[in-house]
ModelCIF file with pLDDT and N, C-alpha, C, O atoms, coordinates in Angstrom:
data_MODEL
#
_entry.id   MODEL 
#
_entity.id                         1 
_entity.type                       polymer 
_entity.pdbx_number_of_molecules   1 
#
_entity_poly.entity_id                      1 
_entity_poly.type                           'polypeptide(L)' 
_entity_poly.nstd_linkage                   no 
_entity_poly.nstd_monomer                   no 
_entity_poly.pdbx_seq_one_letter_code       RLIPYGFVKEKSLYVYKSLFMNGKLEAEIIIDSKGKIKGNITDT 
_entity_poly.pdbx_seq_one_letter_code_can   RLIPYGFVKEKSLYVYKSLFMNGKLEAEIIIDSKGKIKGNITDT 
_entity_poly.pdbx_strand_id                 A 
#
loop_
_entity_poly_seq.entity_id 
_entity_poly_seq.num 
_entity_poly_seq.mon_id 
_entity_poly_seq.hetero 
1 1  ARG n 
1 2  LEU n 
1 3  ILE n 
1 4  PRO n 
1 5  TYR n 
1 6  GLY n 
1 7  PHE n 
1 8  VAL n 
1 9  LYS n 
1 10 GLU n 
1 11 LYS n 
1 12 SER n 
1 13 LEU n 
1 14 TYR n 
1 15 VAL n 
1 16 TYR n 
1 17 LYS n 
1 18 SER n 
1 19 LEU n 
1 20 PHE n 
1 21 MET n 
1 22 ASN n 
1 23 GLY n 
1 24 LYS n 
1 25 LEU n 
1 26 GLU n 
1 27 ALA n 
1 28 GLU n 
1 29 ILE n 
1 30 ILE n 
1 31 ILE n 
1 32 ASP n 
1 33 SER n 
1 34 LYS n 
1 35 GLY n 
1 36 LYS n 
1 37 ILE n 
1 38 LYS n 
1 39 GLY n 
1 40 ASN n 
1 41 ILE n 
1 42 THR n 
1 43 ASP n 
1 44 THR n 
#
_struct_asym.id          A 
_struct_asym.entity_id   1 
#
loop_
_ma_qa_metric.id 
_ma_qa_metric.mode 
_ma_qa_metric.name 
_ma_qa_metric.software_group_id 
_ma_qa_metric.type 
1 global pLDDT . pLDDT 
2 local  pLDDT . pLDDT 
#
_ma_qa_metric_global.metric_id      1 
_ma_qa_metric_global.metric_value   94.16 
_ma_qa_metric_global.model_id       1 
_ma_qa_metric_global.ordinal_id     1 
#
loop_
_ma_qa_metric_local.label_asym_id 
_ma_qa_metric_local.label_comp_id 
_ma_qa_metric_local.label_seq_id 
_ma_qa_metric_local.metric_id 
_ma_qa_metric_local.metric_value 
_ma_qa_metric_local.model_id 
_ma_qa_metric_local.ordinal_id 
A ARG 1  2 93.00 1 1  
A LEU 2  2 94.00 1 2  
A ILE 3  2 95.00 1 3  
A PRO 4  2 96.00 1 4  
A TYR 5  2 95.00 1 5  
A GLY 6  2 96.00 1 6  
A PHE 7  2 96.00 1 7  
A VAL 8  2 97.00 1 8  
A LYS 9  2 96.00 1 9  
A GLU 10 2 95.00 1 10 
A LYS 11 2 93.00 1 11 
A SER 12 2 93.00 1 12 
A LEU 13 2 96.00 1 13 
A TYR 14 2 97.00 1 14 
A VAL 15 2 97.00 1 15 
A TYR 16 2 97.00 1 16 
A LYS 17 2 97.00 1 17 
A SER 18 2 97.00 1 18 
A LEU 19 2 97.00 1 19 
A PHE 20 2 94.00 1 20 
A MET 21 2 93.00 1 21 
A ASN 22 2 95.00 1 22 
A GLY 23 2 96.00 1 23 
A LYS 24 2 95.00 1 24 
A LEU 25 2 95.00 1 25 
A GLU 26 2 97.00 1 26 
A ALA 27 2 94.00 1 27 
A GLU 28 2 95.00 1 28 
A ILE 29 2 94.00 1 29 
A ILE 30 2 95.00 1 30 
A ILE 31 2 94.00 1 31 
A ASP 32 2 92.00 1 32 
A SER 33 2 87.00 1 33 
A LYS 34 2 88.00 1 34 
A GLY 35 2 86.00 1 35 
A LYS 36 2 89.00 1 36 
A ILE 37 2 91.00 1 37 
A LYS 38 2 92.00 1 38 
A GLY 39 2 91.00 1 39 
A ASN 40 2 92.00 1 40 
A ILE 41 2 93.00 1 41 
A THR 42 2 96.00 1 42 
A ASP 43 2 96.00 1 43 
A THR 44 2 96.00 1 44 
#
loop_
_atom_site.group_PDB 
_atom_site.id 
_atom_site.type_symbol 
_atom_site.label_atom_id 
_atom_site.label_alt_id 
_atom_site.label_comp_id 
_atom_site.label_asym_id 
_atom_site.label_entity_id 
_atom_site.label_seq_id 
_atom_site.pdbx_PDB_ins_code 
_atom_site.Cartn_x 
_atom_site.Cartn_y 
_atom_site.Cartn_z 
_atom_site.occupancy 
_atom_site.B_iso_or_equiv 
_atom_site.pdbx_formal_charge 
_atom_site.auth_seq_id 
_atom_site.auth_comp_id 
_atom_site.auth_asym_id 
_atom_site.auth_atom_id 
_atom_site.pdbx_PDB_model_num 
ATOM 1   N N  . ARG A 1 1  ? 30.494 34.962 57.713 1.00 93.00 ? 1  ARG A N  1 
ATOM 2   C CA . ARG A 1 1  ? 31.008 35.604 56.489 1.00 93.00 ? 1  ARG A CA 1 
ATOM 3   C C  . ARG A 1 1  ? 30.924 37.126 56.528 1.00 93.00 ? 1  ARG A C  1 
ATOM 4   O O  . ARG A 1 1  ? 31.406 37.788 55.609 1.00 93.00 ? 1  ARG A O  1 
ATOM 5   N N  . LEU A 1 2  ? 30.327 37.690 57.564 1.00 94.00 ? 2  LEU A N  1 
ATOM 6   C CA . LEU A 1 2  ? 30.145 39.143 57.620 1.00 94.00 ? 2  LEU A CA 1 
ATOM 7   C C  . LEU A 1 2  ? 31.469 39.902 57.737 1.00 94.00 ? 2  LEU A C  1 
ATOM 8   O O  . LEU A 1 2  ? 31.694 40.864 57.002 1.00 94.00 ? 2  LEU A O  1 
ATOM 9   N N  . ILE A 1 3  ? 32.336 39.485 58.640 1.00 95.00 ? 3  ILE A N  1 
ATOM 10  C CA . ILE A 1 3  ? 33.612 40.195 58.840 1.00 95.00 ? 3  ILE A CA 1 
ATOM 11  C C  . ILE A 1 3  ? 34.488 40.101 57.597 1.00 95.00 ? 3  ILE A C  1 
ATOM 12  O O  . ILE A 1 3  ? 35.040 41.122 57.186 1.00 95.00 ? 3  ILE A O  1 
ATOM 13  N N  . PRO A 1 4  ? 34.650 38.921 56.967 1.00 96.00 ? 4  PRO A N  1 
ATOM 14  C CA . PRO A 1 4  ? 35.433 38.882 55.726 1.00 96.00 ? 4  PRO A CA 1 
ATOM 15  C C  . PRO A 1 4  ? 34.841 39.767 54.617 1.00 96.00 ? 4  PRO A C  1 
ATOM 16  O O  . PRO A 1 4  ? 35.574 40.248 53.753 1.00 96.00 ? 4  PRO A O  1 
ATOM 17  N N  . TYR A 1 5  ? 33.523 39.980 54.640 1.00 95.00 ? 5  TYR A N  1 
ATOM 18  C CA . TYR A 1 5  ? 32.898 40.834 53.633 1.00 95.00 ? 5  TYR A CA 1 
ATOM 19  C C  . TYR A 1 5  ? 33.194 42.312 53.874 1.00 95.00 ? 5  TYR A C  1 
ATOM 20  O O  . TYR A 1 5  ? 33.197 43.099 52.927 1.00 95.00 ? 5  TYR A O  1 
ATOM 21  N N  . GLY A 1 6  ? 33.441 42.699 55.116 1.00 96.00 ? 6  GLY A N  1 
ATOM 22  C CA . GLY A 1 6  ? 33.726 44.095 55.415 1.00 96.00 ? 6  GLY A CA 1 
ATOM 23  C C  . GLY A 1 6  ? 32.949 44.649 56.599 1.00 96.00 ? 6  GLY A C  1 
ATOM 24  O O  . GLY A 1 6  ? 33.092 45.824 56.938 1.00 96.00 ? 6  GLY A O  1 
ATOM 25  N N  . PHE A 1 7  ? 32.131 43.818 57.229 1.00 96.00 ? 7  PHE A N  1 
ATOM 26  C CA . PHE A 1 7  ? 31.423 44.254 58.434 1.00 96.00 ? 7  PHE A CA 1 
ATOM 27  C C  . PHE A 1 7  ? 32.417 44.372 59.581 1.00 96.00 ? 7  PHE A C  1 
ATOM 28  O O  . PHE A 1 7  ? 33.444 43.695 59.596 1.00 96.00 ? 7  PHE A O  1 
ATOM 29  N N  . VAL A 1 8  ? 32.105 45.232 60.534 1.00 97.00 ? 8  VAL A N  1 
ATOM 30  C CA . VAL A 1 8  ? 32.905 45.404 61.738 1.00 97.00 ? 8  VAL A CA 1 
ATOM 31  C C  . VAL A 1 8  ? 32.032 44.991 62.911 1.00 97.00 ? 8  VAL A C  1 
ATOM 32  O O  . VAL A 1 8  ? 30.869 45.388 62.990 1.00 97.00 ? 8  VAL A O  1 
ATOM 33  N N  . LYS A 1 9  ? 32.582 44.197 63.824 1.00 96.00 ? 9  LYS A N  1 
ATOM 34  C CA . LYS A 1 9  ? 31.808 43.775 64.989 1.00 96.00 ? 9  LYS A CA 1 
ATOM 35  C C  . LYS A 1 9  ? 31.925 44.833 66.069 1.00 96.00 ? 9  LYS A C  1 
ATOM 36  O O  . LYS A 1 9  ? 33.025 45.194 66.487 1.00 96.00 ? 9  LYS A O  1 
ATOM 37  N N  . GLU A 1 10 ? 30.783 45.323 66.514 1.00 95.00 ? 10 GLU A N  1 
ATOM 38  C CA . GLU A 1 10 ? 30.708 46.308 67.596 1.00 95.00 ? 10 GLU A CA 1 
ATOM 39  C C  . GLU A 1 10 ? 29.790 45.722 68.658 1.00 95.00 ? 10 GLU A C  1 
ATOM 40  O O  . GLU A 1 10 ? 28.568 45.737 68.512 1.00 95.00 ? 10 GLU A O  1 
ATOM 41  N N  . LYS A 1 11 ? 30.379 45.212 69.716 1.00 93.00 ? 11 LYS A N  1 
ATOM 42  C CA . LYS A 1 11 ? 29.670 44.478 70.769 1.00 93.00 ? 11 LYS A CA 1 
ATOM 43  C C  . LYS A 1 11 ? 28.974 43.286 70.134 1.00 93.00 ? 11 LYS A C  1 
ATOM 44  O O  . LYS A 1 11 ? 29.652 42.419 69.581 1.00 93.00 ? 11 LYS A O  1 
ATOM 45  N N  . SER A 1 12 ? 27.646 43.206 70.189 1.00 93.00 ? 12 SER A N  1 
ATOM 46  C CA . SER A 1 12 ? 26.944 42.055 69.612 1.00 93.00 ? 12 SER A CA 1 
ATOM 47  C C  . SER A 1 12 ? 26.377 42.370 68.225 1.00 93.00 ? 12 SER A C  1 
ATOM 48  O O  . SER A 1 12 ? 25.570 41.604 67.698 1.00 93.00 ? 12 SER A O  1 
ATOM 49  N N  . LEU A 1 13 ? 26.795 43.488 67.635 1.00 96.00 ? 13 LEU A N  1 
ATOM 50  C CA . LEU A 1 13 ? 26.279 43.901 66.331 1.00 96.00 ? 13 LEU A CA 1 
ATOM 51  C C  . LEU A 1 13 ? 27.360 43.825 65.266 1.00 96.00 ? 13 LEU A C  1 
ATOM 52  O O  . LEU A 1 13 ? 28.548 43.977 65.550 1.00 96.00 ? 13 LEU A O  1 
ATOM 53  N N  . TYR A 1 14 ? 26.928 43.587 64.037 1.00 97.00 ? 14 TYR A N  1 
ATOM 54  C CA . TYR A 1 14 ? 27.813 43.648 62.876 1.00 97.00 ? 14 TYR A CA 1 
ATOM 55  C C  . TYR A 1 14 ? 27.402 44.875 62.067 1.00 97.00 ? 14 TYR A C  1 
ATOM 56  O O  . TYR A 1 14 ? 26.232 45.016 61.710 1.00 97.00 ? 14 TYR A O  1 
ATOM 57  N N  . VAL A 1 15 ? 28.347 45.759 61.776 1.00 97.00 ? 15 VAL A N  1 
ATOM 58  C CA . VAL A 1 15 ? 28.046 47.032 61.125 1.00 97.00 ? 15 VAL A CA 1 
ATOM 59  C C  . VAL A 1 15 ? 28.850 47.152 59.830 1.00 97.00 ? 15 VAL A C  1 
ATOM 60  O O  . VAL A 1 15 ? 30.054 46.896 59.800 1.00 97.00 ? 15 VAL A O  1 
ATOM 61  N N  . TYR A 1 16 ? 28.153 47.546 58.761 1.00 97.00 ? 16 TYR A N  1 
ATOM 62  C CA . TYR A 1 16 ? 28.803 47.769 57.462 1.00 97.00 ? 16 TYR A CA 1 
ATOM 63  C C  . TYR A 1 16 ? 28.409 49.159 56.983 1.00 97.00 ? 16 TYR A C  1 
ATOM 64  O O  . TYR A 1 16 ? 27.230 49.512 56.990 1.00 97.00 ? 16 TYR A O  1 
ATOM 65  N N  . LYS A 1 17 ? 29.398 49.951 56.568 1.00 97.00 ? 17 LYS A N  1 
ATOM 66  C CA . LYS A 1 17 ? 29.140 51.291 56.044 1.00 97.00 ? 17 LYS A CA 1 
ATOM 67  C C  . LYS A 1 17 ? 29.770 51.420 54.668 1.00 97.00 ? 17 LYS A C  1 
ATOM 68  O O  . LYS A 1 17 ? 30.858 50.904 54.414 1.00 97.00 ? 17 LYS A O  1 
ATOM 69  N N  . SER A 1 18 ? 29.056 52.125 53.775 1.00 97.00 ? 18 SER A N  1 
ATOM 70  C CA . SER A 1 18 ? 29.565 52.325 52.427 1.00 97.00 ? 18 SER A CA 1 
ATOM 71  C C  . SER A 1 18 ? 29.009 53.621 51.847 1.00 97.00 ? 18 SER A C  1 
ATOM 72  O O  . SER A 1 18 ? 27.819 53.912 51.973 1.00 97.00 ? 18 SER A O  1 
ATOM 73  N N  . LEU A 1 19 ? 29.887 54.390 51.211 1.00 97.00 ? 19 LEU A N  1 
ATOM 74  C CA . LEU A 1 19 ? 29.462 55.613 50.531 1.00 97.00 ? 19 LEU A CA 1 
ATOM 75  C C  . LEU A 1 19 ? 28.949 55.268 49.141 1.00 97.00 ? 19 LEU A C  1 
ATOM 76  O O  . LEU A 1 19 ? 29.432 54.330 48.508 1.00 97.00 ? 19 LEU A O  1 
ATOM 77  N N  . PHE A 1 20 ? 27.958 56.037 48.666 1.00 94.00 ? 20 PHE A N  1 
ATOM 78  C CA . PHE A 1 20 ? 27.479 55.885 47.296 1.00 94.00 ? 20 PHE A CA 1 
ATOM 79  C C  . PHE A 1 20 ? 26.950 57.225 46.813 1.00 94.00 ? 20 PHE A C  1 
ATOM 80  O O  . PHE A 1 20 ? 26.945 58.204 47.560 1.00 94.00 ? 20 PHE A O  1 
ATOM 81  N N  . MET A 1 21 ? 26.505 57.268 45.565 1.00 93.00 ? 21 MET A N  1 
ATOM 82  C CA . MET A 1 21 ? 26.089 58.519 44.912 1.00 93.00 ? 21 MET A CA 1 
ATOM 83  C C  . MET A 1 21 ? 27.228 59.541 44.979 1.00 93.00 ? 21 MET A C  1 
ATOM 84  O O  . MET A 1 21 ? 27.039 60.689 45.382 1.00 93.00 ? 21 MET A O  1 
ATOM 85  N N  . ASN A 1 22 ? 28.422 59.080 44.569 1.00 95.00 ? 22 ASN A N  1 
ATOM 86  C CA . ASN A 1 22 ? 29.623 59.927 44.553 1.00 95.00 ? 22 ASN A CA 1 
ATOM 87  C C  . ASN A 1 22 ? 29.939 60.527 45.922 1.00 95.00 ? 22 ASN A C  1 
ATOM 88  O O  . ASN A 1 22 ? 30.384 61.670 46.024 1.00 95.00 ? 22 ASN A O  1 
ATOM 89  N N  . GLY A 1 23 ? 29.703 59.740 46.970 1.00 96.00 ? 23 GLY A N  1 
ATOM 90  C CA . GLY A 1 23 ? 30.023 60.181 48.325 1.00 96.00 ? 23 GLY A CA 1 
ATOM 91  C C  . GLY A 1 23 ? 28.993 61.075 48.968 1.00 96.00 ? 23 GLY A C  1 
ATOM 92  O O  . GLY A 1 23 ? 29.212 61.551 50.082 1.00 96.00 ? 23 GLY A O  1 
ATOM 93  N N  . LYS A 1 24 ? 27.884 61.319 48.314 1.00 95.00 ? 24 LYS A N  1 
ATOM 94  C CA . LYS A 1 24 ? 26.847 62.197 48.880 1.00 95.00 ? 24 LYS A CA 1 
ATOM 95  C C  . LYS A 1 24 ? 25.997 61.502 49.944 1.00 95.00 ? 24 LYS A C  1 
ATOM 96  O O  . LYS A 1 24 ? 25.431 62.149 50.824 1.00 95.00 ? 24 LYS A O  1 
ATOM 97  N N  . LEU A 1 25 ? 25.917 60.165 49.846 1.00 95.00 ? 25 LEU A N  1 
ATOM 98  C CA . LEU A 1 25 ? 25.121 59.396 50.793 1.00 95.00 ? 25 LEU A CA 1 
ATOM 99  C C  . LEU A 1 25 ? 25.966 58.256 51.359 1.00 95.00 ? 25 LEU A C  1 
ATOM 100 O O  . LEU A 1 25 ? 26.884 57.756 50.710 1.00 95.00 ? 25 LEU A O  1 
ATOM 101 N N  . GLU A 1 26 ? 25.629 57.859 52.591 1.00 97.00 ? 26 GLU A N  1 
ATOM 102 C CA . GLU A 1 26 ? 26.300 56.727 53.217 1.00 97.00 ? 26 GLU A CA 1 
ATOM 103 C C  . GLU A 1 26 ? 25.247 55.733 53.698 1.00 97.00 ? 26 GLU A C  1 
ATOM 104 O O  . GLU A 1 26 ? 24.304 56.099 54.399 1.00 97.00 ? 26 GLU A O  1 
ATOM 105 N N  . ALA A 1 27 ? 25.421 54.483 53.314 1.00 94.00 ? 27 ALA A N  1 
ATOM 106 C CA . ALA A 1 27 ? 24.553 53.409 53.768 1.00 94.00 ? 27 ALA A CA 1 
ATOM 107 C C  . ALA A 1 27 ? 25.190 52.744 54.980 1.00 94.00 ? 27 ALA A C  1 
ATOM 108 O O  . ALA A 1 27 ? 26.402 52.530 55.020 1.00 94.00 ? 27 ALA A O  1 
ATOM 109 N N  . GLU A 1 28 ? 24.368 52.423 55.953 1.00 95.00 ? 28 GLU A N  1 
ATOM 110 C CA . GLU A 1 28 ? 24.830 51.685 57.126 1.00 95.00 ? 28 GLU A CA 1 
ATOM 111 C C  . GLU A 1 28 ? 23.873 50.507 57.323 1.00 95.00 ? 28 GLU A C  1 
ATOM 112 O O  . GLU A 1 28 ? 22.664 50.695 57.461 1.00 95.00 ? 28 GLU A O  1 
ATOM 113 N N  . ILE A 1 29 ? 24.422 49.304 57.336 1.00 94.00 ? 29 ILE A N  1 
ATOM 114 C CA . ILE A 1 29 ? 23.654 48.101 57.561 1.00 94.00 ? 29 ILE A CA 1 
ATOM 115 C C  . ILE A 1 29 ? 24.097 47.523 58.896 1.00 94.00 ? 29 ILE A C  1 
ATOM 116 O O  . ILE A 1 29 ? 25.292 47.337 59.127 1.00 94.00 ? 29 ILE A O  1 
ATOM 117 N N  . ILE A 1 30 ? 23.145 47.238 59.773 1.00 95.00 ? 30 ILE A N  1 
ATOM 118 C CA . ILE A 1 30 ? 23.437 46.684 61.093 1.00 95.00 ? 30 ILE A CA 1 
ATOM 119 C C  . ILE A 1 30 ? 22.711 45.356 61.221 1.00 95.00 ? 30 ILE A C  1 
ATOM 120 O O  . ILE A 1 30 ? 21.507 45.271 60.979 1.00 95.00 ? 30 ILE A O  1 
ATOM 121 N N  . ILE A 1 31 ? 23.451 44.320 61.602 1.00 94.00 ? 31 ILE A N  1 
ATOM 122 C CA . ILE A 1 31 ? 22.878 42.993 61.781 1.00 94.00 ? 31 ILE A CA 1 
ATOM 123 C C  . ILE A 1 31 ? 23.181 42.545 63.203 1.00 94.00 ? 31 ILE A C  1 
ATOM 124 O O  . ILE A 1 31 ? 24.331 42.571 63.643 1.00 94.00 ? 31 ILE A O  1 
ATOM 125 N N  . ASP A 1 32 ? 22.126 42.130 63.924 1.00 92.00 ? 32 ASP A N  1 
ATOM 126 C CA . ASP A 1 32 ? 22.358 41.655 65.286 1.00 92.00 ? 32 ASP A CA 1 
ATOM 127 C C  . ASP A 1 32 ? 22.706 40.168 65.270 1.00 92.00 ? 32 ASP A C  1 
ATOM 128 O O  . ASP A 1 32 ? 22.693 39.535 64.214 1.00 92.00 ? 32 ASP A O  1 
ATOM 129 N N  . SER A 1 33 ? 23.014 39.618 66.427 1.00 87.00 ? 33 SER A N  1 
ATOM 130 C CA . SER A 1 33 ? 23.467 38.227 66.527 1.00 87.00 ? 33 SER A CA 1 
ATOM 131 C C  . SER A 1 33 ? 22.379 37.217 66.158 1.00 87.00 ? 33 SER A C  1 
ATOM 132 O O  . SER A 1 33 ? 22.673 36.041 65.943 1.00 87.00 ? 33 SER A O  1 
ATOM 133 N N  . LYS A 1 34 ? 21.133 37.666 66.085 1.00 88.00 ? 34 LYS A N  1 
ATOM 134 C CA . LYS A 1 34 ? 20.035 36.788 65.677 1.00 88.00 ? 34 LYS A CA 1 
ATOM 135 C C  . LYS A 1 34 ? 19.731 36.900 64.187 1.00 88.00 ? 34 LYS A C  1 
ATOM 136 O O  . LYS A 1 34 ? 18.849 36.213 63.672 1.00 88.00 ? 34 LYS A O  1 
ATOM 137 N N  . GLY A 1 35 ? 20.470 37.774 63.495 1.00 86.00 ? 35 GLY A N  1 
ATOM 138 C CA . GLY A 1 35 ? 20.284 37.946 62.056 1.00 86.00 ? 35 GLY A CA 1 
ATOM 139 C C  . GLY A 1 35 ? 19.280 39.006 61.662 1.00 86.00 ? 35 GLY A C  1 
ATOM 140 O O  . GLY A 1 35 ? 18.941 39.119 60.484 1.00 86.00 ? 35 GLY A O  1 
ATOM 141 N N  . LYS A 1 36 ? 18.794 39.791 62.615 1.00 89.00 ? 36 LYS A N  1 
ATOM 142 C CA . LYS A 1 36 ? 17.858 40.872 62.299 1.00 89.00 ? 36 LYS A CA 1 
ATOM 143 C C  . LYS A 1 36 ? 18.621 42.036 61.666 1.00 89.00 ? 36 LYS A C  1 
ATOM 144 O O  . LYS A 1 36 ? 19.659 42.461 62.173 1.00 89.00 ? 36 LYS A O  1 
ATOM 145 N N  . ILE A 1 37 ? 18.089 42.544 60.548 1.00 91.00 ? 37 ILE A N  1 
ATOM 146 C CA . ILE A 1 37 ? 18.773 43.587 59.782 1.00 91.00 ? 37 ILE A CA 1 
ATOM 147 C C  . ILE A 1 37 ? 18.079 44.926 59.955 1.00 91.00 ? 37 ILE A C  1 
ATOM 148 O O  . ILE A 1 37 ? 16.853 45.025 59.917 1.00 91.00 ? 37 ILE A O  1 
ATOM 149 N N  . LYS A 1 38 ? 18.900 45.957 60.146 1.00 92.00 ? 38 LYS A N  1 
ATOM 150 C CA . LYS A 1 38 ? 18.417 47.331 60.228 1.00 92.00 ? 38 LYS A CA 1 
ATOM 151 C C  . LYS A 1 38 ? 19.337 48.167 59.342 1.00 92.00 ? 38 LYS A C  1 
ATOM 152 O O  . LYS A 1 38 ? 20.546 47.939 59.307 1.00 92.00 ? 38 LYS A O  1 
ATOM 153 N N  . GLY A 1 39 ? 18.775 49.117 58.641 1.00 91.00 ? 39 GLY A N  1 
ATOM 154 C CA . GLY A 1 39 ? 19.591 49.951 57.777 1.00 91.00 ? 39 GLY A CA 1 
ATOM 155 C C  . GLY A 1 39 ? 19.280 51.417 57.934 1.00 91.00 ? 39 GLY A C  1 
ATOM 156 O O  . GLY A 1 39 ? 18.247 51.800 58.482 1.00 91.00 ? 39 GLY A O  1 
ATOM 157 N N  . ASN A 1 40 ? 20.200 52.235 57.439 1.00 92.00 ? 40 ASN A N  1 
ATOM 158 C CA . ASN A 1 40 ? 20.036 53.679 57.510 1.00 92.00 ? 40 ASN A CA 1 
ATOM 159 C C  . ASN A 1 40 ? 20.841 54.302 56.368 1.00 92.00 ? 40 ASN A C  1 
ATOM 160 O O  . ASN A 1 40 ? 21.926 53.835 56.022 1.00 92.00 ? 40 ASN A O  1 
ATOM 161 N N  . ILE A 1 41 ? 20.288 55.350 55.802 1.00 93.00 ? 41 ILE A N  1 
ATOM 162 C CA . ILE A 1 41 ? 21.001 56.143 54.799 1.00 93.00 ? 41 ILE A CA 1 
ATOM 163 C C  . ILE A 1 41 ? 21.183 57.537 55.382 1.00 93.00 ? 41 ILE A C  1 
ATOM 164 O O  . ILE A 1 41 ? 20.235 58.131 55.897 1.00 93.00 ? 41 ILE A O  1 
ATOM 165 N N  . THR A 1 42 ? 22.409 58.059 55.300 1.00 96.00 ? 42 THR A N  1 
ATOM 166 C CA . THR A 1 42 ? 22.708 59.377 55.853 1.00 96.00 ? 42 THR A CA 1 
ATOM 167 C C  . THR A 1 42 ? 23.252 60.279 54.755 1.00 96.00 ? 42 THR A C  1 
ATOM 168 O O  . THR A 1 42 ? 24.084 59.861 53.949 1.00 96.00 ? 42 THR A O  1 
ATOM 169 N N  . ASP A 1 43 ? 22.777 61.518 54.729 1.00 96.00 ? 43 ASP A N  1 
ATOM 170 C CA . ASP A 1 43 ? 23.320 62.550 53.850 1.00 96.00 ? 43 ASP A CA 1 
ATOM 171 C C  . ASP A 1 43 ? 24.668 62.948 54.440 1.00 96.00 ? 43 ASP A C  1 
ATOM 172 O O  . ASP A 1 43 ? 24.727 63.381 55.591 1.00 96.00 ? 43 ASP A O  1 
ATOM 173 N N  . THR A 1 44 ? 25.752 62.811 53.677 1.00 96.00 ? 44 THR A N  1 
ATOM 174 C CA . THR A 1 44 ? 27.085 63.058 54.227 1.00 96.00 ? 44 THR A CA 1 
ATOM 175 C C  . THR A 1 44 ? 27.378 64.537 54.475 1.00 96.00 ? 44 THR A C  1 
ATOM 176 O O  . THR A 1 44 ? 28.465 64.883 54.936 1.00 96.00 ? 44 THR A O  1 
#
């Protein structure tokens, strides 16, 4: 269900990016093929 939700497959990872706080911050969620989740917030 990750790709239909908006994740993009990059090699063996599923990556989802979304802007929030009026575009000031970007969230990135990375899920590996085993279901391990890693996230990052970046100041745009």
